[in-house]
Amino acid sequence: MEKTRIYNPTTLHFGRNAVDELSADVKNSGKKAFLLYGKSSIKHHGLYDKIIRLLHSAGVEVVEYGGIKSNPIIEDVNAAAQLGRQEKVDVIVAVGGGSVIDSAKYISVAICGDCDAWDYPTRKTIVKGAIPVFAVLTLAATGTEMNPFAVIQNVTAGQKVGWGHPMMYPKHSYLDPENTFSVPQNYTAYGVVDLIAHSLEAWFGFGNASLSDKFVISIIQEAMEAGPLLLEDLHSYELRERIMYAATMALNGLTMYGRSSGDWGVHGIGHVLSLLYDVPHGASLSIAYPAWLSLQKTRIPDRIEELGCKLFQTDNPDDTIYKIKSFFKSLGSPINLSEVGIDIAQKDNIIKMMIKEANGSNHRLSAKDMEEITDLMFLG
C-alpha cells in the first residue's frame, strides 16, 4: 500500500425524504441561500417547490441561478459567482446532478476569491475560502456529492478539466432515490457506466491495495447486477437506491485508500469527446474504456486478467474486454464514435486534442497511443 490520508467531512443524508433535513442544516450555516439548478426538470417534478418551502420555513432568503447545462461551462460559473457576490449569499444549495454540483463547488470558492473561477485549475490563484455547499442529488453517476473534485469546461481555451480542493467538499449532501425517478433510460444507463468507469480508474491507479480492490470489484458487481434491472423498471425505489449508493461509494475515496492516484486517462479521453462534440459524459466513457483496455492488454495483462477473473471468471484479457463492452452495449450506451454522430473525418481533430489534454497518471500515453485509441473508438 501507498502512504494514505483519509479525510471526508461531507455529511451524507441517504434515503426516502432525506431532503427534509435540509432546512435545519442550512439555517445553522447561513441566512441567504444561493439556489443553483439546471434547466426545468426540478420544477416539472415538484422538487423546486419543495426546496423553496424548506428554505423559507427556516427563514432563509433565496437567490436563484438556473439553467446550468450538462457538461458545465466556465461562463455559467463566473456569471453565477458574480451574482452570488452581489447578493452576499452565505450558503449554496445545489439541486441537480454532477454538472450542477460541480459548478456549485467552483462558484463556492470563486465567490470568496473574488476572481475568475478558471484561475483555480490554471493555478493562477489559490483558494482563500469557500461558501458551504448543500447538495441535493438528482442523478446517480458522478460521486461529486461526497468528494472535493469538480469538472468544468472552457470552450474558448479548448479545455475540460477536473480539479479539486479540500474546501470543496459539500458540507451536506441529500440523496433520496425518488429524486432520480425522472432520469430517463439513457441517462440512467450513462450513470451506471460512469460509476463503473470511476471504479476502473481506481483499479488501474498506482499502488497495490487489496482491500480497496475488493471495494472496486463489489461496486462494479453491484452496478452490473442492479443496472440492467433498473433500466427495465425506472421507478423501482430499491434499484434506484442500489445504483445511487454504488455511485457515491465509487468516488468518495473508498476505492482509493492505499493508492497514491487513480489513472484517469480514460476520463481525459472522455472529456475530449464532450468538449469537442458535447457527448454525454457517461456515453464518452463507454466508448473510450474498451478502446483503452484494448491498447493496454499486452502492457498490463496481469491487471486485466485479475479484473476478468473476479468479474467474469475468465483470465483472458480479450474476453474481459469483450464482456465489458457487451455490458455497456446491453445498457444502450454507445461503444463507438459513429453511434454519437462523429465521422471518421474528425479523427485528426480528436487525436490532436487528446495529445493536448488527455493522459493517464499511472499509464502514460504517447501520441501513437492516442492515434491507436482513436482508431479503436471508431471500430467499437
Protein backbone atom coordinates (compact mmCIF):
# COMPACT_ATOMS: atom_id res chain seq x y z
CA MET A 1 0.00 0.00 0.00
CA GLU A 2 0.99 3.58 -0.62
CA LYS A 3 1.00 6.16 2.16
CA THR A 4 -2.62 7.23 2.64
CA ARG A 5 -4.50 10.08 4.29
CA ILE A 6 -8.22 9.55 4.83
CA TYR A 7 -10.48 12.58 5.13
CA ASN A 8 -14.10 13.10 4.18
CA PRO A 9 -16.07 15.80 6.01
CA THR A 10 -19.31 15.54 3.99
CA THR A 11 -22.40 14.56 5.98
CA LEU A 12 -24.42 12.26 3.75
CA HIS A 13 -28.19 12.01 4.24
CA PHE A 14 -29.41 8.91 2.40
CA GLY A 15 -32.93 7.60 2.00
CA ARG A 16 -36.55 8.49 1.44
CA ASN A 17 -37.30 12.18 2.16
CA ALA A 18 -33.67 12.82 3.11
CA VAL A 19 -34.02 16.38 1.81
CA ASP A 20 -36.44 17.20 4.64
CA GLU A 21 -33.35 17.70 6.81
CA LEU A 22 -32.10 20.49 4.55
CA SER A 23 -33.88 23.38 6.26
CA ALA A 24 -32.34 22.88 9.71
CA ASP A 25 -28.87 22.28 8.28
CA VAL A 26 -28.92 25.39 6.09
CA LYS A 27 -30.36 27.50 8.90
CA ASN A 28 -27.37 26.59 11.05
CA SER A 29 -24.97 27.82 8.36
CA GLY A 30 -26.46 30.97 6.88
CA LYS A 31 -29.37 33.28 6.23
CA LYS A 32 -29.19 33.76 2.46
CA ALA A 33 -29.08 30.75 0.18
CA PHE A 34 -27.94 30.67 -3.43
CA LEU A 35 -30.15 28.10 -5.16
CA LEU A 36 -28.47 26.57 -8.23
CA TYR A 37 -30.13 24.17 -10.65
CA GLY A 38 -30.16 23.06 -14.27
CA LYS A 39 -32.97 23.56 -16.71
CA SER A 40 -36.62 22.85 -15.93
CA SER A 41 -36.67 19.28 -14.63
CA ILE A 42 -36.75 20.07 -10.91
CA LYS A 43 -39.68 22.45 -11.49
CA HIS A 44 -41.65 19.92 -13.52
CA HIS A 45 -41.34 17.25 -10.86
CA GLY A 46 -42.03 19.35 -7.77
CA LEU A 47 -38.58 19.29 -6.20
CA TYR A 48 -38.03 23.00 -6.78
CA ASP A 49 -41.19 23.92 -4.85
CA LYS A 50 -40.22 21.60 -2.04
CA ILE A 51 -36.74 23.13 -1.71
CA ILE A 52 -38.18 26.64 -1.68
CA ARG A 53 -40.66 25.67 1.05
CA LEU A 54 -37.93 24.09 3.15
CA LEU A 55 -35.68 27.13 2.90
CA HIS A 56 -38.44 29.63 3.57
CA SER A 57 -39.66 27.59 6.55
CA ALA A 58 -36.20 28.04 8.04
CA GLY A 59 -36.34 31.80 7.48
CA VAL A 60 -33.67 31.61 4.79
CA GLU A 61 -33.78 34.12 1.93
CA VAL A 62 -33.29 32.61 -1.54
CA VAL A 63 -31.40 33.90 -4.58
CA GLU A 64 -31.58 31.75 -7.72
CA TYR A 65 -29.42 30.88 -10.70
CA GLY A 66 -30.88 28.32 -13.09
CA GLY A 67 -30.02 26.90 -16.47
CA ILE A 68 -26.68 25.24 -15.72
CA LYS A 69 -26.07 22.92 -18.67
CA SER A 70 -24.86 19.37 -18.87
CA ASN A 71 -21.09 19.43 -19.45
CA PRO A 72 -20.98 22.69 -17.42
CA ILE A 73 -19.17 25.72 -18.74
CA ILE A 74 -16.99 28.31 -17.04
CA GLU A 75 -19.19 31.18 -18.28
CA ASP A 76 -22.09 29.93 -16.14
CA VAL A 77 -19.81 29.53 -13.14
CA ASN A 78 -18.45 33.05 -13.41
CA ALA A 79 -21.86 34.61 -14.02
CA ALA A 80 -23.30 32.80 -11.01
CA ALA A 81 -20.33 33.70 -8.82
CA GLN A 82 -20.73 37.37 -9.72
CA LEU A 83 -24.42 37.24 -8.79
CA GLY A 84 -23.60 35.46 -5.55
CA ARG A 85 -21.09 38.16 -4.60
CA GLN A 86 -23.54 40.93 -5.41
CA GLU A 87 -26.28 39.31 -3.35
CA LYS A 88 -23.89 38.43 -0.49
CA VAL A 89 -25.10 34.84 -0.27
CA ASP A 90 -23.67 32.79 2.57
CA VAL A 91 -24.68 29.23 1.58
CA ILE A 92 -25.16 27.43 -1.72
CA VAL A 93 -27.92 24.88 -2.31
CA ALA A 94 -27.15 22.92 -5.48
CA VAL A 95 -30.05 20.83 -6.79
CA GLY A 96 -29.21 18.54 -9.69
CA GLY A 97 -26.67 16.07 -10.99
CA GLY A 98 -22.92 16.30 -11.32
CA SER A 99 -22.98 19.35 -13.59
CA VAL A 100 -24.87 21.49 -11.08
CA ILE A 101 -22.96 20.28 -8.04
CA ASP A 102 -19.57 20.60 -9.77
CA SER A 103 -20.49 24.13 -10.80
CA ALA A 104 -21.52 24.90 -7.22
CA LYS A 105 -18.10 23.86 -5.94
CA TYR A 106 -16.34 26.24 -8.31
CA ILE A 107 -18.84 29.01 -7.52
CA SER A 108 -18.27 28.46 -3.81
CA VAL A 109 -14.55 29.23 -3.97
CA ALA A 110 -14.87 31.86 -6.71
CA ILE A 111 -17.27 33.97 -4.63
CA CYS A 112 -14.79 34.01 -1.75
CA GLY A 113 -11.81 34.56 -4.00
CA ASP A 114 -13.49 37.39 -5.98
CA CYS A 115 -11.80 36.09 -9.13
CA ASP A 116 -12.34 34.30 -12.41
CA ALA A 117 -13.06 30.67 -11.46
CA TRP A 118 -10.76 29.48 -14.26
CA ASP A 119 -7.85 30.89 -12.25
CA TYR A 120 -8.10 27.92 -9.88
CA PRO A 121 -7.48 24.96 -12.19
CA THR A 122 -4.90 27.00 -14.12
CA ARG A 123 -3.07 27.72 -10.83
CA LYS A 124 -3.22 31.49 -11.23
CA THR A 125 -4.59 31.88 -7.72
CA ILE A 126 -5.13 29.85 -4.58
CA VAL A 127 -8.28 29.05 -2.64
CA LYS A 128 -8.86 31.61 0.09
CA GLY A 129 -12.18 30.32 1.37
CA ALA A 130 -15.40 28.60 0.38
CA ILE A 131 -19.10 29.12 0.92
CA PRO A 132 -20.66 25.91 2.28
CA VAL A 133 -22.36 23.79 -0.38
CA PHE A 134 -25.50 21.76 0.32
CA ALA A 135 -26.08 19.27 -2.49
CA VAL A 136 -29.45 17.73 -3.37
CA LEU A 137 -28.63 14.96 -5.83
CA THR A 138 -30.97 14.10 -8.71
CA LEU A 139 -28.71 11.87 -10.84
CA ALA A 140 -26.68 8.89 -9.65
CA ALA A 141 -23.41 8.93 -11.57
CA THR A 142 -20.51 11.17 -10.69
CA GLY A 143 -19.98 10.78 -6.94
CA THR A 144 -19.43 14.53 -6.68
CA GLU A 145 -21.83 14.62 -3.74
CA MET A 146 -19.13 13.22 -1.44
CA ASN A 147 -15.80 14.38 -2.84
CA PRO A 148 -13.88 17.66 -3.30
CA PHE A 149 -13.48 17.49 -7.08
CA ALA A 150 -15.27 19.22 -9.95
CA VAL A 151 -15.07 19.16 -13.74
CA ILE A 152 -15.66 22.26 -15.84
CA GLN A 153 -15.05 23.14 -19.47
CA ASN A 154 -13.73 26.27 -21.09
CA VAL A 155 -14.60 26.16 -24.78
CA THR A 156 -12.56 29.29 -25.54
CA ALA A 157 -9.43 27.73 -24.02
CA GLY A 158 -10.26 24.35 -25.54
CA GLN A 159 -10.07 22.57 -22.20
CA LYS A 160 -12.23 20.45 -19.94
CA VAL A 161 -10.53 19.83 -16.62
CA GLY A 162 -11.06 18.18 -13.29
CA TRP A 163 -9.73 19.97 -10.24
CA GLY A 164 -10.33 19.88 -6.54
CA HIS A 165 -9.55 21.33 -3.15
CA PRO A 166 -10.38 20.15 0.40
CA MET A 167 -12.61 23.20 0.88
CA MET A 168 -14.80 21.98 -1.99
CA TYR A 169 -16.32 19.01 -0.20
CA PRO A 170 -20.08 19.56 0.13
CA LYS A 171 -20.98 20.28 3.73
CA HIS A 172 -24.13 18.16 3.48
CA SER A 173 -25.50 16.01 0.65
CA TYR A 174 -29.06 14.71 0.43
CA LEU A 175 -29.68 11.54 -1.54
CA ASP A 176 -33.25 10.39 -1.98
CA PRO A 177 -33.57 7.72 -4.69
CA GLU A 178 -37.04 9.02 -5.54
CA ASN A 179 -35.42 12.21 -6.83
CA THR A 180 -33.82 10.14 -9.61
CA PHE A 181 -37.10 8.59 -10.83
CA SER A 182 -37.41 11.24 -13.55
CA VAL A 183 -33.99 10.46 -15.05
CA PRO A 184 -34.64 8.90 -18.50
CA GLN A 185 -33.37 5.50 -19.51
CA ASN A 186 -30.37 6.73 -21.50
CA TYR A 187 -29.00 8.97 -18.75
CA THR A 188 -29.68 6.29 -16.16
CA ALA A 189 -27.51 3.98 -18.28
CA TYR A 190 -24.81 6.63 -18.59
CA GLY A 191 -24.78 6.92 -14.80
CA VAL A 192 -24.16 3.20 -14.45
CA VAL A 193 -21.30 3.45 -16.96
CA ASP A 194 -19.85 6.43 -15.10
CA LEU A 195 -19.74 4.72 -11.72
CA ILE A 196 -18.11 1.64 -13.26
CA ALA A 197 -15.55 3.87 -15.01
CA HIS A 198 -14.72 5.60 -11.72
CA SER A 199 -14.13 2.21 -10.14
CA LEU A 200 -11.89 1.15 -13.03
CA GLU A 201 -9.84 4.35 -12.79
CA ALA A 202 -9.01 3.32 -9.22
CA TRP A 203 -8.32 -0.29 -10.24
CA PHE A 204 -5.74 0.86 -12.78
CA GLY A 205 -4.27 3.53 -10.49
CA PHE A 206 -0.90 3.49 -8.78
CA GLY A 207 -0.40 1.36 -5.70
CA ASN A 208 -1.32 -2.12 -4.50
CA ALA A 209 -4.28 -2.08 -2.13
CA SER A 210 -6.01 -5.43 -1.84
CA LEU A 211 -8.93 -4.30 0.30
CA SER A 212 -9.57 -1.30 -1.96
CA ASP A 213 -9.51 -3.74 -4.90
CA LYS A 214 -12.30 -5.68 -3.20
CA PHE A 215 -14.30 -2.47 -2.84
CA VAL A 216 -13.84 -1.82 -6.58
CA ILE A 217 -14.99 -5.28 -7.58
CA SER A 218 -18.01 -5.17 -5.26
CA ILE A 219 -19.13 -1.79 -6.60
CA ILE A 220 -18.83 -2.93 -10.22
CA GLN A 221 -20.68 -6.16 -9.45
CA GLU A 222 -23.48 -4.20 -7.79
CA ALA A 223 -23.75 -1.92 -10.83
CA MET A 224 -23.72 -4.83 -13.28
CA GLU A 225 -26.41 -6.63 -11.30
CA ALA A 226 -28.75 -3.74 -10.50
CA GLY A 227 -28.16 -1.57 -13.58
CA PRO A 228 -29.90 -3.73 -16.23
CA LEU A 229 -32.81 -4.41 -13.85
CA LEU A 230 -33.22 -0.69 -13.23
CA LEU A 231 -33.42 0.07 -16.95
CA GLU A 232 -36.43 -2.24 -17.08
CA ASP A 233 -38.09 -0.59 -14.06
CA LEU A 234 -37.09 3.06 -13.80
CA HIS A 235 -39.43 3.70 -10.86
CA SER A 236 -38.10 0.94 -8.64
CA TYR A 237 -37.05 2.57 -5.39
CA GLU A 238 -34.86 -0.39 -4.41
CA LEU A 239 -32.94 -0.41 -7.70
CA ARG A 240 -32.54 3.38 -7.78
CA GLU A 241 -31.27 3.13 -4.21
CA ARG A 242 -28.69 0.50 -5.07
CA ILE A 243 -27.29 2.43 -8.02
CA MET A 244 -27.28 5.72 -6.12
CA TYR A 245 -25.35 4.20 -3.23
CA ALA A 246 -22.90 2.48 -5.57
CA ALA A 247 -22.22 5.70 -7.48
CA THR A 248 -21.41 7.56 -4.26
CA MET A 249 -19.12 4.82 -2.97
CA ALA A 250 -17.30 4.65 -6.32
CA LEU A 251 -15.82 8.13 -5.92
CA ASN A 252 -15.87 9.19 -2.27
CA GLY A 253 -12.33 7.96 -1.65
CA LEU A 254 -13.21 4.40 -0.61
CA THR A 255 -11.64 2.78 -3.68
CA MET A 256 -8.53 4.95 -3.50
CA TYR A 257 -7.26 4.23 0.02
CA GLY A 258 -3.80 2.72 -0.23
CA ARG A 259 -3.14 4.16 -3.69
CA SER A 260 -1.29 7.35 -4.49
CA SER A 261 -3.50 8.05 -7.51
CA GLY A 262 -6.08 6.68 -9.88
CA ASP A 263 -5.19 6.65 -13.55
CA TRP A 264 -7.87 8.95 -15.09
CA GLY A 265 -6.57 8.63 -18.64
CA VAL A 266 -9.91 7.33 -19.90
CA HIS A 267 -11.72 10.23 -18.26
CA GLY A 268 -9.34 12.56 -20.05
CA ILE A 269 -10.29 10.95 -23.36
CA GLY A 270 -13.96 11.23 -22.49
CA HIS A 271 -13.55 14.90 -21.65
CA VAL A 272 -12.12 15.50 -25.11
CA LEU A 273 -15.20 13.94 -26.71
CA SER A 274 -17.51 16.03 -24.52
CA LEU A 275 -15.56 19.21 -25.18
CA LEU A 276 -15.44 18.79 -28.95
CA TYR A 277 -18.84 17.22 -29.61
CA ASP A 278 -20.88 17.64 -26.42
CA VAL A 279 -21.04 13.87 -25.94
CA PRO A 280 -22.73 12.99 -22.60
CA HIS A 281 -20.05 12.09 -20.10
CA GLY A 282 -21.12 8.51 -19.46
CA ALA A 283 -21.54 7.87 -23.17
CA SER A 284 -17.99 9.08 -23.80
CA LEU A 285 -16.68 6.58 -21.23
CA SER A 286 -18.45 3.55 -22.71
CA ILE A 287 -16.73 4.42 -26.00
CA ALA A 288 -13.29 5.15 -24.51
CA TYR A 289 -12.83 2.40 -21.91
CA PRO A 290 -12.92 -0.66 -24.21
CA ALA A 291 -10.52 1.10 -26.58
CA TRP A 292 -8.12 1.95 -23.75
CA LEU A 293 -8.27 -1.59 -22.42
CA SER A 294 -7.51 -2.98 -25.88
CA LEU A 295 -4.42 -0.78 -26.06
CA GLN A 296 -3.29 -1.90 -22.59
CA LYS A 297 -3.98 -5.65 -22.82
CA THR A 298 -0.37 -6.55 -23.70
CA ARG A 299 1.12 -3.94 -21.36
CA ILE A 300 -0.74 -4.73 -18.16
CA PRO A 301 -2.16 -8.20 -18.85
CA ASP A 302 -1.93 -9.30 -15.21
CA ARG A 303 -4.12 -6.44 -14.01
CA ILE A 304 -6.72 -7.00 -16.74
CA GLU A 305 -6.62 -10.76 -16.12
CA GLU A 306 -7.25 -10.23 -12.40
CA LEU A 307 -10.18 -7.95 -13.21
CA GLY A 308 -11.61 -10.56 -15.57
CA CYS A 309 -11.20 -13.39 -13.08
CA LYS A 310 -13.06 -11.50 -10.36
CA LEU A 311 -15.83 -10.10 -12.57
CA PHE A 312 -16.32 -12.74 -15.27
CA GLN A 313 -14.35 -15.83 -14.18
CA THR A 314 -12.02 -15.54 -17.15
CA ASP A 315 -8.27 -14.94 -17.30
CA ASN A 316 -8.36 -13.98 -20.98
CA PRO A 317 -7.93 -10.19 -21.43
CA ASP A 318 -9.73 -10.24 -24.79
CA ASP A 319 -12.69 -11.98 -23.19
CA THR A 320 -12.74 -9.46 -20.34
CA ILE A 321 -12.72 -6.52 -22.73
CA TYR A 322 -15.45 -8.11 -24.83
CA LYS A 323 -17.64 -8.67 -21.78
CA ILE A 324 -17.21 -5.09 -20.54
CA LYS A 325 -18.01 -3.73 -23.98
CA SER A 326 -21.00 -6.04 -24.29
CA PHE A 327 -22.30 -4.92 -20.93
CA PHE A 328 -22.11 -1.25 -21.93
CA LYS A 329 -23.87 -2.10 -25.19
CA SER A 330 -26.60 -4.00 -23.34
CA LEU A 331 -27.34 -0.83 -21.37
CA GLY A 332 -27.84 1.08 -24.61
CA SER A 333 -24.70 3.15 -24.08
CA PRO A 334 -22.62 3.73 -27.24
CA ILE A 335 -19.43 1.75 -27.83
CA ASN A 336 -18.10 3.55 -30.90
CA LEU A 337 -17.87 7.10 -32.18
CA SER A 338 -20.28 6.66 -35.07
CA GLU A 339 -23.08 5.94 -32.58
CA VAL A 340 -22.78 9.51 -31.28
CA GLY A 341 -22.60 11.01 -34.77
CA ILE A 342 -18.83 11.50 -35.01
CA ASP A 343 -17.47 10.88 -38.50
CA ILE A 344 -14.06 9.42 -39.33
CA ALA A 345 -13.20 12.81 -40.87
CA GLN A 346 -12.89 14.07 -37.27
CA LYS A 347 -10.09 11.65 -36.45
CA ASP A 348 -7.23 14.16 -36.67
CA ASN A 349 -9.10 16.72 -34.54
CA ILE A 350 -9.69 14.11 -31.85
CA ILE A 351 -6.08 12.95 -31.83
CA LYS A 352 -4.74 16.49 -31.69
CA MET A 353 -6.95 17.37 -28.72
CA MET A 354 -6.19 14.11 -26.94
CA ILE A 355 -2.46 14.74 -27.21
CA LYS A 356 -3.02 18.16 -25.67
CA GLU A 357 -5.49 17.26 -22.95
CA ALA A 358 -5.69 13.54 -22.18
CA ASN A 359 -3.22 11.32 -20.37
CA GLY A 360 -3.10 8.89 -17.50
CA SER A 361 -1.44 9.47 -14.15
CA ASN A 362 -0.27 5.87 -13.92
CA HIS A 363 -0.28 4.59 -17.51
CA ARG A 364 1.13 7.31 -19.72
CA LEU A 365 0.06 7.55 -23.34
CA SER A 366 2.18 8.56 -26.34
CA ALA A 367 0.94 10.34 -29.45
CA LYS A 368 0.98 6.99 -31.23
CA ASP A 369 -1.14 5.53 -28.42
CA MET A 370 -3.68 8.33 -28.88
CA GLU A 371 -3.93 7.51 -32.57
CA GLU A 372 -4.44 3.81 -31.85
CA ILE A 373 -7.10 4.52 -29.22
CA THR A 374 -8.93 6.81 -31.64
CA ASP A 375 -8.92 4.10 -34.32
CA LEU A 376 -10.28 1.64 -31.77
CA MET A 377 -13.02 4.07 -30.74
CA PHE A 378 -14.16 4.29 -34.37
CA LEU A 379 -14.14 0.49 -34.69
CA GLY A 380 -16.01 -0.09 -31.42
